[in-house]
Amino acid sequence: MEYTVDPAITAVFEKLLADPLVRKAFAFIDKDHENKVAEQKEMTLVHGAPFKEREKRSPMYKEKLEKYGAADCFMDKHDNAFGYVRGGSGPLIVFEGHLDTVFPEETPLKITEKDGRIYCPGIGDDTAGLANVLALLRAIKHAGLEPVGTLMLGGTAGEEGEGDIRGIKGLLDDHKDIAAVVNVEPGSTGNIVFGAVGSRRYEFIFRGPGGHSWSKFGLPSPIHAMGRAIAKMADIDPPATPKTTYTVGTVTGGTSVNSIALEARMKLDMRSMSMDALADLEKTMLKLVDAAVAEENFFRKESGAAVTVEKKKIGDRPAGDQPQDAPIVQALWAAITAIGKEPKLLPPSSTNANAAISRKVPGVVLRTGGDAGGEHALEEWFDPRGSQEGVKTSLLMAFALAGLKGVTEPIKLK
């Protein structure tokens, strides 16, 4: 696609590419590649189970940040692990990967390699991002690069599933002076995500008296009420513009085939680019659940018993958008171009960048380079060949956004 970058932004990257210390950092990144890959495999074998980050991954990552020279490293109450590369009074720029994976603690973790690909649950999403951030830190320290502003480098907790991007939300709550967020995720170096798909998630817990399917026939059933709710939801046709979607992702319940259930549960995921459309869909779905329970109870009213439903909101990711020519998007486009790759603007996604974009804090998703596939599956893989490009992109973005002392001032983001 035809895309125009402000000449002033282009000039920043020309200055960075010409700087001897940046060239020194680039040379180090190439030499450090095998070390980065080895560290990525090492970290993958440390479980990142949801809501368990504080037990292993967060302290591990904090120790690595300290080892590689980050200042004032910390773990916060949200289980994030961060450190600083401090400069002067310029903007505070965050670079982060997320510490959690989707895999429960009992998932076997074993590295296998074939045809250049590394296979293991979590090897890409987002251990690749964590490895990129650490490689960025090593390159900065090796070359002696000093930002005008301050870089905040680290790993966030709770990005996946019901973690509900709690780590980056908490980081933005606690550090109101954050000027921009760069979320590092696995994938091709050229891909740019700058829009945020919002989501709301619910768990519905249907409860009833339960009983034997023969002797207690006629009692209202939590499973039947849940089935009525799902059938009603399936008839909903959400708007195509803004794109709005939903799915009942999981259902559980019942005791045995010959029992009227005591309890049934289902989890509903709703997504949209528009917070208004998402709120409308949420309202509709909640009414349908109430109507389904009422119908089941009316149908079995002669029993004198009733099904109830508990509605638990288990996820709330804010939607947001920013212009495709926003300065941070132009900067990432220019950074990718500067390393000789072809940039591509991708559709909105649901990532840590949501938290920033929804608060009008500039945010983008930067890809690690290399290649990746099978995310959230046991067959997940990462191909590290060429992933040096992702680290170089991170380095150029870091010093374009934070400025490089004696070379460039920070790009104006607003």
Protein backbone atom coordinates (compact mmCIF):
# COMPACT_ATOMS: atom_id res chain seq x y z
CA MET A 1 0.00 0.00 0.00
CA GLU A 2 1.03 3.59 -0.49
CA TYR A 3 1.96 5.12 2.85
CA THR A 4 3.54 8.47 3.60
CA VAL A 5 5.93 9.08 6.47
CA ASP A 6 6.55 12.63 7.66
CA PRO A 7 10.00 13.74 6.40
CA ALA A 8 10.90 14.81 9.94
CA ILE A 9 10.35 11.23 11.15
CA THR A 10 12.28 9.80 8.22
CA ALA A 11 15.17 12.14 9.10
CA VAL A 12 15.25 10.76 12.65
CA PHE A 13 15.85 7.24 11.37
CA GLU A 14 18.46 8.42 8.89
CA LYS A 15 20.37 9.99 11.78
CA LEU A 16 20.04 6.85 13.89
CA LEU A 17 21.27 4.59 11.09
CA ALA A 18 24.29 6.84 10.54
CA ASP A 19 25.28 6.92 14.22
CA PRO A 20 28.42 4.86 15.07
CA LEU A 21 26.99 3.62 18.36
CA VAL A 22 23.80 2.42 16.69
CA ARG A 23 25.92 0.57 14.12
CA LYS A 24 27.88 -0.92 17.01
CA ALA A 25 24.62 -2.07 18.59
CA PHE A 26 23.49 -3.60 15.29
CA ALA A 27 26.73 -5.55 15.00
CA PHE A 28 26.27 -6.81 18.55
CA ILE A 29 22.69 -7.90 17.82
CA ASP A 30 23.96 -10.08 14.97
CA LYS A 31 26.64 -11.64 17.18
CA ASP A 32 24.19 -12.06 20.07
CA HIS A 33 21.61 -13.91 17.98
CA GLU A 34 22.47 -17.45 19.10
CA ASN A 35 22.54 -16.30 22.71
CA LYS A 36 19.09 -14.76 22.28
CA VAL A 37 17.72 -18.01 20.84
CA ALA A 38 19.27 -20.07 23.63
CA GLU A 39 17.77 -17.76 26.24
CA GLN A 40 14.37 -17.96 24.55
CA LYS A 41 14.45 -21.75 24.81
CA GLU A 42 15.60 -21.54 28.44
CA MET A 43 12.74 -19.22 29.39
CA THR A 44 10.18 -21.35 27.54
CA LEU A 45 10.92 -24.21 29.93
CA VAL A 46 9.96 -22.00 32.89
CA HIS A 47 6.19 -22.28 33.17
CA GLY A 48 4.16 -19.17 32.45
CA ALA A 49 0.84 -20.62 33.59
CA PRO A 50 -1.98 -18.07 33.93
CA PHE A 51 -2.03 -16.29 37.31
CA LYS A 52 1.19 -18.07 38.32
CA GLU A 53 3.69 -15.51 37.02
CA ARG A 54 4.83 -14.40 40.47
CA GLU A 55 5.95 -17.93 41.36
CA LYS A 56 8.57 -18.35 38.62
CA ARG A 57 8.55 -16.20 35.52
CA SER A 58 8.34 -12.74 37.07
CA PRO A 59 11.32 -13.23 39.45
CA MET A 60 13.27 -14.96 36.68
CA TYR A 61 12.73 -12.01 34.36
CA LYS A 62 13.57 -9.44 37.02
CA GLU A 63 16.86 -11.25 37.66
CA LYS A 64 17.69 -11.17 33.95
CA LEU A 65 16.93 -7.44 33.71
CA GLU A 66 19.29 -6.84 36.65
CA LYS A 67 21.95 -9.08 35.15
CA TYR A 68 21.95 -7.15 31.87
CA GLY A 69 22.20 -3.75 33.51
CA ALA A 70 18.71 -2.33 33.80
CA ALA A 71 18.35 0.18 36.64
CA ASP A 72 15.91 0.09 39.57
CA CYS A 73 14.42 -3.27 38.63
CA PHE A 74 11.18 -4.21 40.34
CA MET A 75 8.27 -6.61 40.56
CA ASP A 76 5.00 -4.84 41.24
CA LYS A 77 1.67 -5.87 42.78
CA HIS A 78 0.40 -6.85 39.32
CA ASP A 79 3.24 -9.42 38.95
CA ASN A 80 4.99 -7.35 36.27
CA ALA A 81 8.81 -7.30 36.14
CA PHE A 82 10.50 -4.14 34.83
CA GLY A 83 13.68 -2.11 34.85
CA TYR A 84 14.88 1.17 33.36
CA VAL A 85 17.40 2.58 30.95
CA ARG A 86 17.38 6.11 32.29
CA GLY A 87 18.11 9.30 30.39
CA GLY A 88 17.01 12.82 31.16
CA SER A 89 13.68 14.56 31.40
CA GLY A 90 12.24 13.25 28.13
CA PRO A 91 9.31 10.84 27.62
CA LEU A 92 8.90 7.49 29.37
CA ILE A 93 8.64 4.74 26.74
CA VAL A 94 7.59 1.16 27.57
CA PHE A 95 8.82 -1.92 25.69
CA GLU A 96 7.30 -5.16 26.94
CA GLY A 97 6.54 -8.76 26.21
CA HIS A 98 4.08 -10.71 28.31
CA LEU A 99 5.18 -13.25 30.89
CA ASP A 100 2.16 -15.54 30.81
CA THR A 101 1.20 -18.25 28.32
CA VAL A 102 -2.15 -19.98 27.88
CA PHE A 103 -0.85 -23.33 29.12
CA PRO A 104 -1.71 -24.69 32.58
CA GLU A 105 1.07 -25.63 34.95
CA GLU A 106 0.76 -29.37 34.31
CA THR A 107 1.47 -28.96 30.56
CA PRO A 108 4.63 -30.91 29.65
CA LEU A 109 7.34 -28.61 28.27
CA LYS A 110 9.98 -30.11 26.02
CA ILE A 111 12.05 -28.43 23.32
CA THR A 112 12.27 -30.21 19.97
CA GLU A 113 13.77 -28.84 16.76
CA LYS A 114 13.18 -29.69 13.13
CA ASP A 115 14.02 -27.92 9.87
CA GLY A 116 15.01 -24.73 11.68
CA ARG A 117 11.85 -24.55 13.77
CA ILE A 118 11.80 -24.81 17.56
CA TYR A 119 8.72 -26.58 18.96
CA CYS A 120 7.38 -26.16 22.50
CA PRO A 121 4.23 -24.72 24.08
CA GLY A 122 4.88 -21.00 24.68
CA ILE A 123 8.05 -20.80 22.55
CA GLY A 124 6.55 -17.98 20.51
CA ASP A 125 3.70 -16.35 22.39
CA ASP A 126 5.22 -14.55 24.09
CA THR A 127 8.59 -15.91 25.11
CA ALA A 128 9.86 -14.59 21.78
CA GLY A 129 8.80 -11.09 22.85
CA LEU A 130 10.52 -11.46 26.22
CA ALA A 131 13.73 -12.58 24.48
CA ASN A 132 13.55 -9.60 22.11
CA VAL A 133 13.33 -7.13 25.01
CA LEU A 134 16.32 -8.69 26.80
CA ALA A 135 18.36 -8.68 23.57
CA LEU A 136 17.44 -5.01 23.13
CA LEU A 137 18.71 -4.26 26.64
CA ARG A 138 22.00 -6.09 26.04
CA ALA A 139 22.57 -4.21 22.77
CA ILE A 140 21.90 -0.85 24.42
CA LYS A 141 24.34 -1.57 27.23
CA HIS A 142 27.01 -3.01 24.94
CA ALA A 143 26.97 0.04 22.66
CA GLY A 144 26.61 2.60 25.45
CA LEU A 145 23.47 4.17 23.99
CA GLU A 146 21.81 6.82 26.19
CA PRO A 147 18.22 7.93 25.65
CA VAL A 148 17.05 11.51 25.97
CA GLY A 149 14.01 10.25 27.82
CA THR A 150 13.72 6.96 29.71
CA LEU A 151 13.11 3.42 28.51
CA MET A 152 11.09 1.10 30.72
CA LEU A 153 11.80 -2.49 29.67
CA GLY A 154 10.16 -5.61 31.02
CA GLY A 155 7.50 -8.29 31.08
CA THR A 156 3.83 -7.92 31.91
CA ALA A 157 1.55 -10.41 33.61
CA GLY A 158 -1.91 -11.57 32.67
CA GLU A 159 -2.12 -10.84 28.94
CA GLU A 160 -3.78 -14.11 28.00
CA GLY A 161 -7.42 -15.11 28.42
CA GLU A 162 -8.91 -14.35 31.79
CA GLY A 163 -5.76 -12.52 32.79
CA ASP A 164 -7.56 -9.68 31.02
CA ILE A 165 -4.35 -7.72 30.27
CA ARG A 166 -4.19 -6.96 34.01
CA GLY A 167 -0.44 -6.39 33.98
CA ILE A 168 -0.33 -3.59 31.41
CA LYS A 169 -3.53 -2.07 32.81
CA GLY A 170 -1.90 -1.94 36.25
CA LEU A 171 1.35 -0.55 34.84
CA LEU A 172 -0.52 2.31 33.14
CA ASP A 173 -2.53 2.95 36.30
CA ASP A 174 0.62 3.17 38.40
CA HIS A 175 2.76 5.17 35.97
CA LYS A 176 0.63 7.99 34.62
CA ASP A 177 3.65 9.50 32.86
CA ILE A 178 4.03 6.68 30.34
CA ALA A 179 4.16 8.37 26.93
CA ALA A 180 3.97 5.29 24.67
CA VAL A 181 3.76 1.49 24.82
CA VAL A 182 5.42 -0.91 22.39
CA ASN A 183 4.11 -4.45 22.82
CA VAL A 184 6.48 -7.07 21.36
CA GLU A 185 4.82 -10.21 19.98
CA PRO A 186 5.96 -13.06 17.70
CA GLY A 187 5.60 -12.73 13.96
CA SER A 188 6.98 -11.24 10.78
CA THR A 189 9.02 -8.07 11.25
CA GLY A 190 6.98 -6.13 8.69
CA ASN A 191 3.59 -6.50 10.37
CA ILE A 192 2.14 -3.49 12.24
CA VAL A 193 -0.90 -3.62 14.55
CA PHE A 194 -2.18 -0.24 15.73
CA GLY A 195 -5.90 -0.82 16.43
CA ALA A 196 -7.45 -2.48 19.47
CA VAL A 197 -10.34 -4.95 19.41
CA GLY A 198 -12.24 -4.75 22.67
CA SER A 199 -13.76 -7.73 24.41
CA ARG A 200 -16.14 -8.58 27.24
CA ARG A 201 -16.25 -12.06 28.71
CA TYR A 202 -18.73 -13.67 31.05
CA GLU A 203 -19.11 -16.90 32.92
CA PHE A 204 -22.75 -17.85 33.53
CA ILE A 205 -23.40 -20.32 36.35
CA PHE A 206 -26.85 -21.94 36.24
CA ARG A 207 -27.96 -23.69 39.44
CA GLY A 208 -30.99 -25.79 40.33
CA PRO A 209 -32.23 -28.41 42.82
CA GLY A 210 -30.97 -31.40 40.83
CA GLY A 211 -32.25 -34.93 41.14
CA HIS A 212 -32.79 -38.31 39.50
CA SER A 213 -33.81 -38.12 35.87
CA TRP A 214 -36.73 -40.55 36.44
CA SER A 215 -38.05 -39.95 39.94
CA LYS A 216 -37.51 -36.17 39.89
CA PHE A 217 -38.54 -35.56 36.31
CA GLY A 218 -40.28 -32.20 36.02
CA LEU A 219 -37.72 -30.21 37.98
CA PRO A 220 -36.14 -27.29 36.09
CA SER A 221 -32.68 -28.10 34.73
CA PRO A 222 -29.65 -25.81 34.76
CA ILE A 223 -28.42 -27.52 31.59
CA HIS A 224 -31.74 -27.01 29.83
CA ALA A 225 -31.77 -23.34 30.87
CA MET A 226 -28.23 -22.97 29.56
CA GLY A 227 -29.22 -24.66 26.31
CA ARG A 228 -32.11 -22.24 25.89
CA ALA A 229 -29.70 -19.34 26.42
CA ILE A 230 -27.21 -20.65 23.86
CA ALA A 231 -29.98 -21.18 21.29
CA LYS A 232 -31.17 -17.60 21.75
CA MET A 233 -27.63 -16.25 21.44
CA ALA A 234 -27.04 -18.24 18.26
CA ASP A 235 -29.84 -16.30 16.57
CA ILE A 236 -28.19 -12.92 17.17
CA ASP A 237 -26.73 -11.27 14.06
CA PRO A 238 -24.27 -8.63 15.30
CA PRO A 239 -23.26 -5.62 13.18
CA ALA A 240 -20.69 -6.11 10.44
CA THR A 241 -19.58 -2.48 10.79
CA PRO A 242 -18.06 -1.98 13.25
CA LYS A 243 -17.17 -5.66 13.21
CA THR A 244 -18.71 -7.28 16.29
CA THR A 245 -18.54 -10.98 17.18
CA TYR A 246 -19.40 -13.46 19.89
CA THR A 247 -19.04 -17.12 20.78
CA VAL A 248 -19.95 -19.44 23.62
CA GLY A 249 -16.49 -20.90 24.02
CA THR A 250 -16.91 -23.50 26.78
CA VAL A 251 -19.78 -25.38 28.45
CA THR A 252 -19.56 -27.67 31.47
CA GLY A 253 -21.97 -29.22 33.94
CA GLY A 254 -23.99 -32.17 35.06
CA THR A 255 -23.31 -35.14 37.31
CA SER A 256 -24.24 -38.16 35.20
CA VAL A 257 -26.32 -39.09 32.19
CA ASN A 258 -29.25 -40.04 34.43
CA SER A 259 -29.20 -36.96 36.67
CA ILE A 260 -30.91 -33.60 36.44
CA ALA A 261 -27.95 -31.31 36.84
CA LEU A 262 -27.29 -29.29 39.97
CA GLU A 263 -25.12 -26.86 38.03
CA ALA A 264 -24.04 -25.90 34.52
CA ARG A 265 -21.56 -23.26 33.34
CA MET A 266 -20.79 -21.54 30.10
CA LYS A 267 -18.30 -18.87 29.06
CA LEU A 268 -19.17 -16.20 26.51
CA ASP A 269 -16.69 -14.08 24.55
CA MET A 270 -17.86 -10.85 22.84
CA ARG A 271 -15.64 -8.61 20.70
CA SER A 272 -15.90 -5.35 18.80
CA MET A 273 -13.90 -2.41 17.52
CA SER A 274 -16.56 -0.15 19.09
CA MET A 275 -17.16 0.11 22.82
CA ASP A 276 -20.74 1.23 22.11
CA ALA A 277 -21.43 -1.82 19.93
CA LEU A 278 -19.82 -4.04 22.55
CA ALA A 279 -21.98 -2.55 25.29
CA ASP A 280 -25.12 -3.07 23.19
CA LEU A 281 -24.23 -6.71 22.53
CA GLU A 282 -23.46 -7.26 26.21
CA LYS A 283 -26.84 -5.84 27.20
CA THR A 284 -28.61 -8.07 24.68
CA MET A 285 -26.82 -11.23 25.80
CA LEU A 286 -27.53 -10.60 29.48
CA LYS A 287 -31.25 -10.16 28.71
CA LEU A 288 -31.28 -13.40 26.72
CA VAL A 289 -29.81 -15.32 29.64
CA ASP A 290 -32.49 -13.95 31.96
CA ALA A 291 -35.18 -14.82 29.42
CA ALA A 292 -33.84 -18.37 29.06
CA VAL A 293 -33.94 -18.93 32.83
CA ALA A 294 -37.45 -17.49 33.02
CA GLU A 295 -38.63 -19.81 30.22
CA GLU A 296 -37.18 -22.91 31.87
CA ASN A 297 -38.76 -22.00 35.19
CA PHE A 298 -42.13 -21.25 33.58
CA PHE A 299 -42.06 -24.54 31.68
CA ARG A 300 -41.39 -26.42 34.94
CA LYS A 301 -43.46 -24.17 37.21
CA GLU A 302 -45.57 -27.02 38.57
CA SER A 303 -42.51 -28.38 40.36
CA GLY A 304 -42.36 -25.32 42.60
CA ALA A 305 -38.57 -25.25 42.12
CA ALA A 306 -36.47 -22.81 40.12
CA VAL A 307 -33.19 -22.42 38.28
CA THR A 308 -31.07 -19.37 39.07
CA VAL A 309 -28.15 -17.86 37.20
CA GLU A 310 -25.04 -16.07 38.44
CA LYS A 311 -23.37 -13.73 35.94
CA LYS A 312 -19.64 -13.23 36.44
CA LYS A 313 -17.74 -10.80 34.25
CA ILE A 314 -14.36 -12.44 33.71
CA GLY A 315 -12.88 -10.15 31.08
CA ASP A 316 -13.02 -6.53 29.97
CA ARG A 317 -10.52 -5.45 27.32
CA PRO A 318 -11.12 -1.92 26.10
CA ALA A 319 -11.42 -1.19 22.39
CA GLY A 320 -9.67 1.73 20.78
CA ASP A 321 -8.32 3.14 17.57
CA GLN A 322 -5.78 5.66 16.40
CA PRO A 323 -5.15 7.05 12.92
CA GLN A 324 -2.98 4.94 10.68
CA ASP A 325 -0.82 8.03 10.23
CA ALA A 326 -0.35 8.53 13.98
CA PRO A 327 3.30 9.42 14.69
CA ILE A 328 3.96 6.11 16.48
CA VAL A 329 2.63 4.17 13.48
CA GLN A 330 4.73 6.25 11.10
CA ALA A 331 7.75 5.61 13.33
CA LEU A 332 7.28 1.84 13.22
CA TRP A 333 6.76 1.96 9.46
CA ALA A 334 10.00 3.94 9.12
CA ALA A 335 11.89 1.59 11.46
CA ILE A 336 10.86 -1.47 9.46
CA THR A 337 11.79 0.28 6.22
CA ALA A 338 15.15 1.28 7.70
CA ILE A 339 16.17 -2.36 8.22
CA GLY A 340 15.19 -3.23 4.67
CA LYS A 341 11.85 -4.93 5.24
CA GLU A 342 8.44 -4.13 3.77
CA PRO A 343 5.92 -2.78 6.31
CA LYS A 344 2.30 -3.90 6.32
CA LEU A 345 -0.61 -2.48 8.32
CA LEU A 346 -2.67 -5.29 9.83
CA PRO A 347 -6.29 -5.28 11.02
CA PRO A 348 -6.97 -4.48 14.69
CA SER A 349 -6.20 -7.16 17.22
CA SER A 350 -6.56 -7.86 20.94
CA THR A 351 -3.21 -7.33 22.69
CA ASN A 352 -1.59 -5.43 25.52
CA ALA A 353 -1.63 -2.40 23.24
CA ASN A 354 -5.40 -2.21 23.88
CA ALA A 355 -4.79 -0.76 27.32
CA ALA A 356 -2.68 2.07 25.95
CA ILE A 357 -4.68 2.88 22.82
CA SER A 358 -7.99 2.96 24.72
CA ARG A 359 -6.48 5.57 27.07
CA LYS A 360 -5.21 7.69 24.16
CA VAL A 361 -1.64 6.68 24.96
CA PRO A 362 0.15 5.88 21.68
CA GLY A 363 0.70 2.15 21.34
CA VAL A 364 1.69 -0.39 18.70
CA VAL A 365 2.50 -4.07 18.38
CA LEU A 366 6.04 -4.67 17.11
CA ARG A 367 6.83 -8.14 15.79
CA THR A 368 9.89 -10.14 16.83
CA GLY A 369 10.92 -11.19 13.35
CA GLY A 370 11.58 -14.75 12.34
CA ASP A 371 8.40 -16.77 11.93
CA ALA A 372 5.89 -18.35 14.27
CA GLY A 373 2.86 -20.59 14.23
CA GLY A 374 0.61 -22.84 16.29
CA GLU A 375 0.06 -20.22 18.97
CA HIS A 376 -2.00 -21.52 21.91
CA ALA A 377 -1.50 -25.12 20.72
CA LEU A 378 0.78 -27.85 22.04
CA GLU A 379 2.45 -27.87 18.60
CA GLU A 380 3.46 -24.19 18.87
CA TRP A 381 6.66 -23.34 17.01
CA PHE A 382 9.07 -20.48 16.40
CA ASP A 383 11.61 -20.12 13.61
CA PRO A 384 14.33 -17.75 14.88
CA ARG A 385 16.06 -17.27 11.53
CA GLY A 386 16.08 -13.56 10.80
CA SER A 387 14.75 -12.55 14.22
CA GLN A 388 17.77 -10.24 14.60
CA GLU A 389 15.68 -7.88 12.45
CA GLY A 390 13.08 -7.66 15.18
CA VAL A 391 15.66 -6.65 17.77
CA LYS A 392 17.08 -4.01 15.41
CA THR A 393 13.57 -2.70 14.81
CA SER A 394 13.06 -2.48 18.58
CA LEU A 395 16.32 -0.58 18.99
CA LEU A 396 15.48 1.95 16.29
CA MET A 397 11.97 2.43 17.71
CA ALA A 398 13.31 2.83 21.24
CA PHE A 399 15.62 5.69 20.32
CA ALA A 400 13.22 7.29 17.86
CA LEU A 401 10.57 7.50 20.59
CA ALA A 402 12.87 8.26 23.54
CA GLY A 403 15.54 10.15 21.59
CA LEU A 404 19.28 9.40 21.45
CA LYS A 405 21.54 11.81 23.34
CA GLY A 406 23.61 13.93 21.03
CA VAL A 407 21.89 12.54 17.93
CA THR A 408 18.09 12.95 17.87
CA GLU A 409 15.32 14.37 20.01
CA PRO A 410 12.25 12.21 20.78
CA ILE A 411 9.62 12.11 18.06
CA LYS A 412 6.58 14.16 18.98
CA LEU A 413 3.83 11.65 19.57
CA LYS A 414 0.89 14.01 19.92
